[in-house]
């Protein structure tokens, strides 16, 4: 019955209304999940190294190189929302 109480508490926090049938089904599903985790707990991990990052991290960024940037005129060339050499946006208060 503890599983159903935990599910009712989680449903309450999530503002869900569970029917009696849904509560029974979720309770059964949660018990099955816990059984599977108990099987994983039985695995021998004494010789296993911790895997903090399962996939090797590679630097995929390009090298920083200075390049000529756009002029102010070129940057504003494709917009109609500009004023006095700057982009013009909506007014905020």
N, C-alpha and C. Protein backbone atom coordinates (compact mmCIF):
# COMPACT_ATOMS: atom_id res chain seq x y z
N UNK A 1 0.81 -1.19 0.00
CA UNK A 1 0.00 0.00 0.00
C UNK A 1 0.86 1.26 0.00
N UNK A 2 2.12 1.15 0.39
CA UNK A 2 3.00 2.32 0.41
C UNK A 2 3.21 2.88 -0.99
N UNK A 3 3.25 1.97 -1.99
CA UNK A 3 3.45 2.43 -3.37
C UNK A 3 2.27 3.30 -3.80
N UNK A 4 1.06 2.88 -3.48
CA UNK A 4 -0.11 3.66 -3.86
C UNK A 4 -0.14 5.01 -3.14
N UNK A 5 0.31 5.03 -1.90
CA UNK A 5 0.37 6.30 -1.17
C UNK A 5 1.37 7.25 -1.82
N UNK A 6 2.52 6.71 -2.24
CA UNK A 6 3.53 7.54 -2.91
C UNK A 6 3.01 8.05 -4.25
N UNK A 7 2.30 7.19 -4.98
CA UNK A 7 1.74 7.61 -6.25
C UNK A 7 0.66 8.67 -6.06
N UNK A 8 -0.16 8.51 -5.03
CA UNK A 8 -1.18 9.52 -4.75
C UNK A 8 -0.55 10.87 -4.40
N UNK A 9 0.54 10.83 -3.63
CA UNK A 9 1.24 12.07 -3.27
C UNK A 9 1.84 12.73 -4.52
N UNK A 10 2.47 11.92 -5.39
CA UNK A 10 3.04 12.46 -6.62
C UNK A 10 1.95 13.02 -7.52
N UNK A 11 0.82 12.33 -7.60
CA UNK A 11 -0.29 12.81 -8.42
C UNK A 11 -0.84 14.12 -7.86
N UNK A 12 -0.90 14.22 -6.55
CA UNK A 12 -1.38 15.45 -5.92
C UNK A 12 -0.45 16.61 -6.23
N UNK A 13 0.85 16.36 -6.13
CA UNK A 13 1.83 17.42 -6.41
C UNK A 13 1.77 17.86 -7.88
N UNK A 14 1.47 16.89 -8.76
CA UNK A 14 1.37 17.19 -10.19
C UNK A 14 -0.03 17.67 -10.57
N UNK A 15 -0.91 17.75 -9.57
CA UNK A 15 -2.30 18.17 -9.77
C UNK A 15 -3.01 17.27 -10.78
N UNK A 16 -2.80 15.97 -10.60
CA UNK A 16 -3.47 14.97 -11.43
C UNK A 16 -4.50 14.24 -10.59
N UNK A 17 -5.60 13.89 -11.21
CA UNK A 17 -6.61 13.08 -10.55
C UNK A 17 -6.56 11.69 -11.17
N UNK A 18 -6.20 10.71 -10.38
CA UNK A 18 -6.09 9.34 -10.87
C UNK A 18 -7.31 8.54 -10.46
N UNK A 19 -7.83 7.78 -11.40
CA UNK A 19 -8.93 6.88 -11.07
C UNK A 19 -8.35 5.68 -10.32
N UNK A 20 -9.23 4.89 -9.73
CA UNK A 20 -8.78 3.71 -8.99
C UNK A 20 -8.05 2.75 -9.93
N UNK A 21 -8.55 2.60 -11.14
CA UNK A 21 -7.91 1.72 -12.13
C UNK A 21 -6.52 2.22 -12.52
N UNK A 22 -6.40 3.54 -12.74
CA UNK A 22 -5.09 4.11 -13.08
C UNK A 22 -4.11 3.94 -11.93
N UNK A 23 -4.60 4.14 -10.71
CA UNK A 23 -3.74 4.00 -9.53
C UNK A 23 -3.22 2.56 -9.42
N UNK A 24 -4.08 1.59 -9.66
CA UNK A 24 -3.66 0.19 -9.59
C UNK A 24 -2.66 -0.13 -10.70
N UNK A 25 -2.91 0.37 -11.91
CA UNK A 25 -2.00 0.11 -13.03
C UNK A 25 -0.64 0.76 -12.80
N UNK A 26 -0.64 2.03 -12.36
CA UNK A 26 0.63 2.72 -12.10
C UNK A 26 1.39 2.05 -10.96
N UNK A 27 0.66 1.58 -9.98
CA UNK A 27 1.29 0.89 -8.85
C UNK A 27 1.97 -0.39 -9.33
N UNK A 28 1.28 -1.15 -10.19
CA UNK A 28 1.87 -2.38 -10.75
C UNK A 28 3.10 -2.04 -11.59
N UNK A 29 2.98 -1.01 -12.43
CA UNK A 29 4.11 -0.61 -13.28
C UNK A 29 5.31 -0.18 -12.43
N UNK A 30 5.05 0.58 -11.38
CA UNK A 30 6.14 1.04 -10.51
C UNK A 30 6.81 -0.15 -9.81
N UNK A 31 6.03 -1.12 -9.38
CA UNK A 31 6.60 -2.32 -8.76
C UNK A 31 7.49 -3.07 -9.76
N UNK A 32 7.04 -3.19 -11.01
CA UNK A 32 7.84 -3.85 -12.05
C UNK A 32 9.16 -3.12 -12.27
N UNK A 33 9.11 -1.79 -12.28
CA UNK A 33 10.33 -0.99 -12.48
C UNK A 33 11.29 -1.20 -11.31
N UNK A 34 10.75 -1.22 -10.10
CA UNK A 34 11.61 -1.44 -8.93
C UNK A 34 12.24 -2.83 -8.94
N UNK A 35 11.52 -3.83 -9.44
CA UNK A 35 12.09 -5.18 -9.56
C UNK A 35 13.26 -5.17 -10.53
N UNK A 36 13.11 -4.45 -11.64
CA UNK A 36 14.20 -4.37 -12.62
C UNK A 36 15.42 -3.68 -12.03
N UNK A 37 15.21 -2.63 -11.26
CA UNK A 37 16.34 -1.96 -10.63
C UNK A 37 17.01 -2.85 -9.60
N UNK A 38 16.23 -3.70 -8.91
CA UNK A 38 16.84 -4.61 -7.94
C UNK A 38 17.72 -5.64 -8.66
N UNK A 39 17.36 -6.00 -9.89
CA UNK A 39 18.21 -6.90 -10.69
C UNK A 39 19.52 -6.20 -11.06
N UNK A 40 19.43 -4.94 -11.39
CA UNK A 40 20.65 -4.18 -11.73
C UNK A 40 21.55 -4.07 -10.51
N UNK A 41 20.95 -3.90 -9.34
CA UNK A 41 21.74 -3.80 -8.10
C UNK A 41 22.56 -5.06 -7.83
N UNK A 42 22.16 -6.20 -8.37
CA UNK A 42 22.86 -7.46 -8.14
C UNK A 42 24.12 -7.58 -9.00
N UNK A 43 24.30 -6.72 -9.97
CA UNK A 43 25.45 -6.80 -10.87
C UNK A 43 26.74 -6.54 -10.10
N UNK A 44 27.78 -7.31 -10.42
CA UNK A 44 29.08 -7.16 -9.78
C UNK A 44 29.81 -5.97 -10.39
N UNK A 45 30.00 -4.93 -9.59
CA UNK A 45 30.65 -3.71 -10.08
C UNK A 45 31.95 -3.41 -9.34
N UNK A 46 32.50 -4.40 -8.65
CA UNK A 46 33.70 -4.16 -7.85
C UNK A 46 34.91 -3.78 -8.70
N UNK A 47 35.01 -4.35 -9.88
CA UNK A 47 36.17 -4.08 -10.74
C UNK A 47 35.89 -3.00 -11.78
N UNK A 48 34.70 -2.47 -11.79
CA UNK A 48 34.33 -1.47 -12.81
C UNK A 48 34.81 -0.08 -12.39
N UNK A 49 35.35 0.63 -13.35
CA UNK A 49 35.76 2.02 -13.14
C UNK A 49 34.54 2.92 -13.27
N UNK A 50 34.47 3.99 -12.51
CA UNK A 50 33.35 4.92 -12.67
C UNK A 50 33.37 5.56 -14.06
N UNK A 51 32.22 5.68 -14.68
CA UNK A 51 32.11 6.28 -16.00
C UNK A 51 31.40 7.62 -15.85
N UNK A 52 32.18 8.65 -15.66
CA UNK A 52 31.60 9.97 -15.48
C UNK A 52 31.10 10.54 -16.79
N UNK A 53 31.74 10.18 -17.88
CA UNK A 53 31.35 10.64 -19.20
C UNK A 53 31.36 9.43 -20.12
N UNK A 54 30.20 8.90 -20.50
CA UNK A 54 30.19 7.67 -21.29
C UNK A 54 30.73 7.84 -22.70
N UNK A 55 30.72 9.04 -23.22
CA UNK A 55 31.20 9.29 -24.58
C UNK A 55 32.40 10.22 -24.48
N UNK A 56 33.47 9.86 -25.18
CA UNK A 56 34.67 10.70 -25.13
C UNK A 56 34.36 12.09 -25.66
N UNK A 57 34.82 13.09 -24.93
CA UNK A 57 34.60 14.48 -25.33
C UNK A 57 35.74 14.92 -26.24
N UNK A 58 35.38 15.45 -27.38
CA UNK A 58 36.37 15.95 -28.33
C UNK A 58 36.10 17.43 -28.56
N UNK A 59 37.16 18.19 -28.75
CA UNK A 59 37.01 19.60 -29.04
C UNK A 59 36.62 19.74 -30.50
N UNK A 60 35.40 20.18 -30.75
CA UNK A 60 34.91 20.28 -32.12
C UNK A 60 34.87 21.72 -32.62
N UNK A 61 35.37 22.62 -31.82
CA UNK A 61 35.34 24.02 -32.21
C UNK A 61 36.53 24.36 -33.08
N UNK A 62 36.31 25.32 -33.93
CA UNK A 62 37.40 25.76 -34.81
C UNK A 62 38.32 26.69 -34.05
N UNK A 63 39.49 26.86 -34.58
CA UNK A 63 40.46 27.77 -33.97
C UNK A 63 39.99 29.21 -34.17
N UNK A 64 40.13 30.03 -33.15
CA UNK A 64 39.75 31.43 -33.26
C UNK A 64 40.72 32.16 -34.18
N UNK A 65 40.17 32.81 -35.18
CA UNK A 65 40.97 33.62 -36.09
C UNK A 65 40.26 34.95 -36.27
N UNK A 66 41.05 36.00 -36.26
CA UNK A 66 40.44 37.32 -36.48
C UNK A 66 40.15 37.48 -37.96
N UNK A 67 38.99 38.07 -38.23
CA UNK A 67 38.61 38.33 -39.61
C UNK A 67 38.00 39.72 -39.69
N UNK A 68 37.90 40.22 -40.88
CA UNK A 68 37.29 41.52 -41.09
C UNK A 68 35.79 41.38 -40.81
N UNK A 69 35.25 42.27 -40.01
CA UNK A 69 33.82 42.19 -39.68
C UNK A 69 33.03 43.11 -40.61
N UNK A 70 31.71 43.02 -40.52
CA UNK A 70 30.85 43.86 -41.34
C UNK A 70 30.96 45.32 -40.92
N UNK A 71 30.85 46.17 -41.90
CA UNK A 71 30.78 47.60 -41.58
C UNK A 71 29.37 47.88 -41.05
N UNK A 72 29.20 49.02 -40.42
CA UNK A 72 27.89 49.37 -39.88
C UNK A 72 26.86 49.45 -41.01
N UNK A 73 27.26 49.97 -42.13
CA UNK A 73 26.37 50.11 -43.28
C UNK A 73 25.95 48.74 -43.80
N UNK A 74 26.90 47.81 -43.91
CA UNK A 74 26.59 46.45 -44.38
C UNK A 74 25.70 45.70 -43.41
N UNK A 75 25.92 45.88 -42.11
CA UNK A 75 25.13 45.19 -41.10
C UNK A 75 23.67 45.65 -41.15
N UNK A 76 23.44 46.90 -41.44
CA UNK A 76 22.08 47.44 -41.48
C UNK A 76 21.45 47.38 -42.86
N UNK A 77 22.16 46.85 -43.84
CA UNK A 77 21.69 46.88 -45.22
C UNK A 77 20.40 46.10 -45.43
N UNK A 78 20.16 45.02 -44.74
CA UNK A 78 18.99 44.18 -45.00
C UNK A 78 17.85 44.39 -44.01
N UNK A 79 17.86 45.46 -43.29
CA UNK A 79 16.77 45.74 -42.35
C UNK A 79 16.16 47.10 -42.66
N UNK A 80 14.87 47.18 -42.45
CA UNK A 80 14.22 48.48 -42.59
C UNK A 80 14.00 49.10 -41.22
N UNK A 81 14.33 48.35 -40.16
CA UNK A 81 14.16 48.83 -38.79
C UNK A 81 15.49 49.36 -38.26
N UNK A 82 15.88 50.51 -38.73
CA UNK A 82 17.10 51.13 -38.23
C UNK A 82 16.88 52.63 -38.11
N UNK A 83 17.66 53.19 -37.22
CA UNK A 83 17.54 54.63 -36.99
C UNK A 83 18.88 55.15 -36.50
N UNK A 84 19.38 56.18 -37.14
CA UNK A 84 20.64 56.82 -36.77
C UNK A 84 21.80 55.83 -36.71
N UNK A 85 21.82 54.85 -37.62
CA UNK A 85 22.93 53.91 -37.68
C UNK A 85 22.85 52.75 -36.71
N UNK A 86 21.68 52.52 -36.09
CA UNK A 86 21.51 51.43 -35.14
C UNK A 86 20.25 50.64 -35.49
N UNK A 87 20.18 49.38 -35.04
CA UNK A 87 18.95 48.62 -35.19
C UNK A 87 17.91 49.23 -34.28
N UNK A 88 16.69 49.30 -34.78
CA UNK A 88 15.60 49.87 -33.99
C UNK A 88 14.70 48.72 -33.54
N UNK A 89 14.44 48.66 -32.23
CA UNK A 89 13.59 47.62 -31.67
C UNK A 89 12.38 48.22 -31.01
N UNK A 90 11.50 47.37 -30.49
CA UNK A 90 10.30 47.88 -29.82
C UNK A 90 10.66 48.60 -28.51
N UNK A 91 9.84 49.54 -28.17
CA UNK A 91 10.05 50.32 -26.96
C UNK A 91 9.73 49.45 -25.75
N UNK A 92 10.58 49.50 -24.75
CA UNK A 92 10.34 48.76 -23.49
C UNK A 92 10.37 49.72 -22.33
N UNK A 93 9.57 49.42 -21.36
CA UNK A 93 9.51 50.29 -20.17
C UNK A 93 9.87 49.50 -18.96
